[in-house]
Amino acid sequence: MITVESLPANVTYGLSGGPEVMQNVRTILTTRRGTVPLDRDFGISFEFLDSPINTIRAKAEQEIFLQLKKYEPRAILKQIIWETDVISGQISPSVKVEINQNVI
């Protein structure tokens, strides 16, 4: 599961910021790359699954950064916190972003 959180910011809810930015971030991060018919590069690659945890973290963080930069430049990546469940072997990122009001 991927959690998307917004850091406190002076958000003007309208065309250039607000809930649609967070919705776009969530969509980008929960879409598997290759599944969007007219844009096969959209989303996160899952090629690193079943790799060691450190490899998954490094590759996933790079994927998250590049996809947000490309598809939602209004979102500034501030932090990725990883939650690890050693019993089930699952890790999940919690992504914190800030909305850049200067990008339209």
N, C-alpha and C. Protein backbone atom coordinates (compact mmCIF):
# COMPACT_ATOMS: atom_id res chain seq x y z
N MET A 1 0.84 -1.17 0.00
CA MET A 1 0.00 0.00 0.00
C MET A 1 0.89 1.24 0.00
N ILE A 2 0.53 2.22 -0.78
CA ILE A 2 1.26 3.47 -0.85
C ILE A 2 0.41 4.55 -0.21
N THR A 3 1.00 5.29 0.72
CA THR A 3 0.31 6.38 1.39
C THR A 3 0.87 7.68 0.86
N VAL A 4 0.00 8.62 0.52
CA VAL A 4 0.42 9.93 0.05
C VAL A 4 -0.07 10.97 1.04
N GLU A 5 0.87 11.75 1.57
CA GLU A 5 0.52 12.78 2.53
C GLU A 5 1.02 14.12 2.01
N SER A 6 0.33 15.16 2.39
CA SER A 6 0.73 16.51 2.02
C SER A 6 1.29 17.21 3.23
N LEU A 7 2.45 17.81 3.09
CA LEU A 7 2.99 18.61 4.17
C LEU A 7 2.19 19.90 4.26
N PRO A 8 2.08 20.48 5.44
CA PRO A 8 1.35 21.74 5.56
C PRO A 8 1.91 22.80 4.62
N ALA A 9 1.04 23.45 3.92
CA ALA A 9 1.44 24.49 2.98
C ALA A 9 0.28 25.45 2.82
N ASN A 10 0.57 26.62 2.33
CA ASN A 10 -0.49 27.57 2.01
C ASN A 10 -1.08 27.17 0.67
N VAL A 11 -2.12 26.39 0.71
CA VAL A 11 -2.71 25.85 -0.51
C VAL A 11 -3.89 26.69 -0.92
N THR A 12 -3.89 27.12 -2.17
CA THR A 12 -5.04 27.78 -2.75
C THR A 12 -5.76 26.72 -3.56
N TYR A 13 -6.96 26.36 -3.13
CA TYR A 13 -7.69 25.34 -3.85
C TYR A 13 -8.27 25.93 -5.11
N GLY A 14 -7.77 25.48 -6.22
CA GLY A 14 -8.20 26.00 -7.50
C GLY A 14 -7.49 25.26 -8.60
N LEU A 15 -7.31 25.93 -9.72
CA LEU A 15 -6.72 25.30 -10.87
C LEU A 15 -5.27 24.87 -10.66
N SER A 16 -4.51 25.61 -9.89
CA SER A 16 -3.08 25.34 -9.82
C SER A 16 -2.65 24.60 -8.56
N GLY A 17 -3.56 24.12 -7.75
CA GLY A 17 -3.13 23.41 -6.57
C GLY A 17 -4.31 22.81 -5.86
N GLY A 18 -4.01 22.09 -4.80
CA GLY A 18 -5.06 21.53 -3.99
C GLY A 18 -5.27 20.06 -4.19
N PRO A 19 -6.50 19.62 -4.00
CA PRO A 19 -6.78 18.19 -3.99
C PRO A 19 -6.44 17.47 -5.29
N GLU A 20 -6.56 18.15 -6.43
CA GLU A 20 -6.27 17.45 -7.69
C GLU A 20 -4.80 17.08 -7.81
N VAL A 21 -3.91 17.89 -7.22
CA VAL A 21 -2.48 17.55 -7.23
C VAL A 21 -2.25 16.27 -6.44
N MET A 22 -2.85 16.19 -5.26
CA MET A 22 -2.69 15.01 -4.42
C MET A 22 -3.32 13.78 -5.08
N GLN A 23 -4.44 13.98 -5.76
CA GLN A 23 -5.07 12.87 -6.48
C GLN A 23 -4.17 12.41 -7.62
N ASN A 24 -3.56 13.35 -8.33
CA ASN A 24 -2.65 12.99 -9.41
C ASN A 24 -1.44 12.23 -8.89
N VAL A 25 -0.89 12.66 -7.76
CA VAL A 25 0.25 11.98 -7.15
C VAL A 25 -0.14 10.55 -6.80
N ARG A 26 -1.29 10.40 -6.17
CA ARG A 26 -1.76 9.06 -5.78
C ARG A 26 -1.95 8.17 -7.02
N THR A 27 -2.50 8.75 -8.09
CA THR A 27 -2.71 7.97 -9.32
C THR A 27 -1.38 7.54 -9.93
N ILE A 28 -0.42 8.45 -9.97
CA ILE A 28 0.89 8.12 -10.53
C ILE A 28 1.54 6.98 -9.74
N LEU A 29 1.48 7.07 -8.42
CA LEU A 29 2.18 6.11 -7.58
C LEU A 29 1.48 4.77 -7.45
N THR A 30 0.22 4.70 -7.79
CA THR A 30 -0.50 3.42 -7.68
C THR A 30 -0.77 2.78 -9.03
N THR A 31 -0.25 3.39 -10.09
CA THR A 31 -0.42 2.82 -11.44
C THR A 31 0.83 2.05 -11.83
N ARG A 32 0.64 0.84 -12.29
CA ARG A 32 1.76 0.03 -12.74
C ARG A 32 2.18 0.48 -14.14
N ARG A 33 3.48 0.75 -14.31
CA ARG A 33 3.98 1.19 -15.61
C ARG A 33 3.64 0.15 -16.68
N GLY A 34 3.21 0.66 -17.83
CA GLY A 34 2.87 -0.20 -18.95
C GLY A 34 1.39 -0.50 -19.07
N THR A 35 0.58 -0.04 -18.11
CA THR A 35 -0.84 -0.37 -18.13
C THR A 35 -1.72 0.74 -18.70
N VAL A 36 -1.15 1.91 -18.97
CA VAL A 36 -1.93 3.01 -19.54
C VAL A 36 -1.72 2.96 -21.07
N PRO A 37 -2.77 2.70 -21.83
CA PRO A 37 -2.63 2.44 -23.27
C PRO A 37 -1.90 3.51 -24.08
N LEU A 38 -2.18 4.79 -23.87
CA LEU A 38 -1.56 5.81 -24.71
C LEU A 38 -0.30 6.41 -24.10
N ASP A 39 0.08 5.96 -22.92
CA ASP A 39 1.32 6.42 -22.30
C ASP A 39 1.90 5.28 -21.47
N ARG A 40 2.63 4.39 -22.13
CA ARG A 40 3.17 3.21 -21.47
C ARG A 40 4.25 3.52 -20.44
N ASP A 41 4.76 4.76 -20.43
CA ASP A 41 5.79 5.15 -19.46
C ASP A 41 5.18 5.65 -18.16
N PHE A 42 3.88 5.88 -18.12
CA PHE A 42 3.19 6.41 -16.94
C PHE A 42 3.15 5.37 -15.83
N GLY A 43 3.49 5.77 -14.62
CA GLY A 43 3.38 4.89 -13.47
C GLY A 43 4.71 4.37 -12.99
N ILE A 44 4.65 3.49 -12.02
CA ILE A 44 5.82 2.95 -11.36
C ILE A 44 6.13 1.55 -11.89
N SER A 45 7.40 1.32 -12.20
CA SER A 45 7.84 0.01 -12.65
C SER A 45 7.86 -0.96 -11.47
N PHE A 46 7.47 -2.18 -11.73
CA PHE A 46 7.48 -3.20 -10.69
C PHE A 46 8.58 -4.23 -10.95
N GLU A 47 9.56 -3.89 -11.79
CA GLU A 47 10.63 -4.83 -12.14
C GLU A 47 11.51 -5.20 -10.96
N PHE A 48 11.55 -4.36 -9.94
CA PHE A 48 12.43 -4.60 -8.81
C PHE A 48 11.80 -5.47 -7.71
N LEU A 49 10.56 -5.91 -7.92
CA LEU A 49 9.93 -6.78 -6.93
C LEU A 49 10.76 -8.04 -6.73
N ASP A 50 10.71 -8.58 -5.55
CA ASP A 50 11.46 -9.78 -5.16
C ASP A 50 12.96 -9.54 -5.11
N SER A 51 13.37 -8.29 -5.06
CA SER A 51 14.78 -7.95 -4.88
C SER A 51 15.03 -7.73 -3.39
N PRO A 52 16.30 -7.62 -3.00
CA PRO A 52 16.58 -7.28 -1.60
C PRO A 52 15.96 -5.93 -1.24
N ILE A 53 15.62 -5.76 0.04
CA ILE A 53 14.91 -4.56 0.49
C ILE A 53 15.66 -3.29 0.13
N ASN A 54 16.97 -3.25 0.30
CA ASN A 54 17.72 -2.04 -0.01
C ASN A 54 17.65 -1.70 -1.50
N THR A 55 17.64 -2.71 -2.34
CA THR A 55 17.51 -2.50 -3.79
C THR A 55 16.13 -1.96 -4.12
N ILE A 56 15.12 -2.54 -3.51
CA ILE A 56 13.74 -2.08 -3.75
C ILE A 56 13.60 -0.62 -3.35
N ARG A 57 14.09 -0.28 -2.18
CA ARG A 57 14.00 1.10 -1.72
C ARG A 57 14.68 2.07 -2.67
N ALA A 58 15.90 1.76 -3.05
CA ALA A 58 16.66 2.66 -3.93
C ALA A 58 15.97 2.84 -5.27
N LYS A 59 15.56 1.74 -5.89
CA LYS A 59 14.93 1.82 -7.20
C LYS A 59 13.55 2.45 -7.13
N ALA A 60 12.79 2.13 -6.10
CA ALA A 60 11.45 2.71 -5.95
C ALA A 60 11.53 4.21 -5.71
N GLU A 61 12.48 4.64 -4.88
CA GLU A 61 12.63 6.08 -4.62
C GLU A 61 13.00 6.83 -5.90
N GLN A 62 13.87 6.24 -6.71
CA GLN A 62 14.22 6.87 -7.99
C GLN A 62 12.99 6.94 -8.91
N GLU A 63 12.23 5.85 -8.97
CA GLU A 63 11.02 5.81 -9.79
C GLU A 63 10.02 6.89 -9.34
N ILE A 64 9.80 6.96 -8.04
CA ILE A 64 8.85 7.93 -7.50
C ILE A 64 9.28 9.35 -7.85
N PHE A 65 10.55 9.66 -7.62
CA PHE A 65 11.06 11.00 -7.91
C PHE A 65 10.90 11.35 -9.39
N LEU A 66 11.33 10.46 -10.27
CA LEU A 66 11.27 10.75 -11.72
C LEU A 66 9.84 10.85 -12.24
N GLN A 67 8.94 9.99 -11.76
CA GLN A 67 7.56 10.03 -12.23
C GLN A 67 6.84 11.29 -11.77
N LEU A 68 7.08 11.69 -10.52
CA LEU A 68 6.45 12.92 -10.05
C LEU A 68 7.00 14.14 -10.79
N LYS A 69 8.28 14.14 -11.03
CA LYS A 69 8.89 15.26 -11.76
C LYS A 69 8.31 15.37 -13.17
N LYS A 70 8.10 14.24 -13.81
CA LYS A 70 7.61 14.23 -15.19
C LYS A 70 6.11 14.50 -15.28
N TYR A 71 5.31 13.86 -14.46
CA TYR A 71 3.86 13.88 -14.63
C TYR A 71 3.11 14.83 -13.70
N GLU A 72 3.72 15.25 -12.61
CA GLU A 72 3.06 16.20 -11.71
C GLU A 72 4.11 17.14 -11.11
N PRO A 73 4.58 18.10 -11.93
CA PRO A 73 5.64 19.01 -11.46
C PRO A 73 5.18 19.95 -10.35
N ARG A 74 3.86 20.04 -10.11
CA ARG A 74 3.38 20.87 -9.01
C ARG A 74 3.64 20.23 -7.65
N ALA A 75 3.95 18.94 -7.63
CA ALA A 75 4.22 18.23 -6.38
C ALA A 75 5.73 18.14 -6.17
N ILE A 76 6.17 18.61 -5.03
CA ILE A 76 7.59 18.55 -4.67
C ILE A 76 7.76 17.42 -3.66
N LEU A 77 8.55 16.42 -4.02
CA LEU A 77 8.79 15.30 -3.13
C LEU A 77 9.63 15.77 -1.94
N LYS A 78 9.11 15.58 -0.74
CA LYS A 78 9.80 16.01 0.46
C LYS A 78 10.40 14.85 1.25
N GLN A 79 9.69 13.72 1.28
CA GLN A 79 10.17 12.63 2.11
C GLN A 79 9.48 11.33 1.71
N ILE A 80 10.23 10.24 1.83
CA ILE A 80 9.66 8.90 1.67
C ILE A 80 10.03 8.13 2.92
N ILE A 81 9.01 7.66 3.63
CA ILE A 81 9.21 6.87 4.83
C ILE A 81 8.78 5.44 4.52
N TRP A 82 9.65 4.51 4.82
CA TRP A 82 9.38 3.10 4.52
C TRP A 82 8.90 2.38 5.78
N GLU A 83 7.80 1.66 5.63
CA GLU A 83 7.30 0.80 6.71
C GLU A 83 7.58 -0.64 6.29
N THR A 84 8.22 -1.38 7.18
CA THR A 84 8.61 -2.75 6.86
C THR A 84 7.95 -3.71 7.83
N ASP A 85 7.33 -4.74 7.29
CA ASP A 85 6.76 -5.82 8.10
C ASP A 85 7.62 -7.05 7.84
N VAL A 86 8.52 -7.34 8.78
CA VAL A 86 9.47 -8.43 8.57
C VAL A 86 8.80 -9.80 8.58
N ILE A 87 7.67 -9.90 9.24
CA ILE A 87 6.98 -11.20 9.29
C ILE A 87 6.40 -11.55 7.92
N SER A 88 5.71 -10.58 7.30
CA SER A 88 5.12 -10.86 5.98
C SER A 88 6.08 -10.56 4.84
N GLY A 89 7.16 -9.82 5.13
CA GLY A 89 8.12 -9.48 4.08
C GLY A 89 7.67 -8.33 3.20
N GLN A 90 6.70 -7.56 3.68
CA GLN A 90 6.17 -6.45 2.88
C GLN A 90 6.78 -5.13 3.33
N ILE A 91 7.06 -4.28 2.34
CA ILE A 91 7.46 -2.92 2.64
C ILE A 91 6.53 -1.99 1.88
N SER A 92 6.26 -0.83 2.47
CA SER A 92 5.38 0.12 1.79
C SER A 92 5.87 1.54 2.08
N PRO A 93 5.86 2.38 1.02
CA PRO A 93 6.32 3.75 1.21
C PRO A 93 5.18 4.68 1.62
N SER A 94 5.53 5.64 2.42
CA SER A 94 4.65 6.76 2.74
C SER A 94 5.32 7.98 2.13
N VAL A 95 4.67 8.59 1.15
CA VAL A 95 5.27 9.67 0.39
C VAL A 95 4.69 11.00 0.85
N LYS A 96 5.57 11.92 1.20
CA LYS A 96 5.14 13.26 1.60
C LYS A 96 5.56 14.24 0.52
N VAL A 97 4.59 15.03 0.07
CA VAL A 97 4.86 16.02 -0.97
C VAL A 97 4.34 17.38 -0.52
N GLU A 98 4.90 18.39 -1.12
CA GLU A 98 4.45 19.76 -0.92
C GLU A 98 4.00 20.28 -2.27
N ILE A 99 2.97 21.09 -2.27
CA ILE A 99 2.44 21.63 -3.52
C ILE A 99 3.17 22.90 -3.87
N ASN A 100 3.74 22.95 -5.07
CA ASN A 100 4.45 24.12 -5.56
C ASN A 100 3.44 25.03 -6.26
N GLN A 101 3.12 26.14 -5.65
CA GLN A 101 2.11 27.06 -6.20
C GLN A 101 2.64 27.86 -7.38
N ASN A 102 3.95 27.84 -7.62
CA ASN A 102 4.54 28.63 -8.68
C ASN A 102 4.48 27.94 -10.05
N VAL A 103 4.16 26.65 -10.06
CA VAL A 103 4.07 25.91 -11.33
C VAL A 103 2.61 25.80 -11.71
N ILE A 104 2.30 26.22 -12.91
CA ILE A 104 0.91 26.16 -13.39
C ILE A 104 0.78 25.12 -14.45
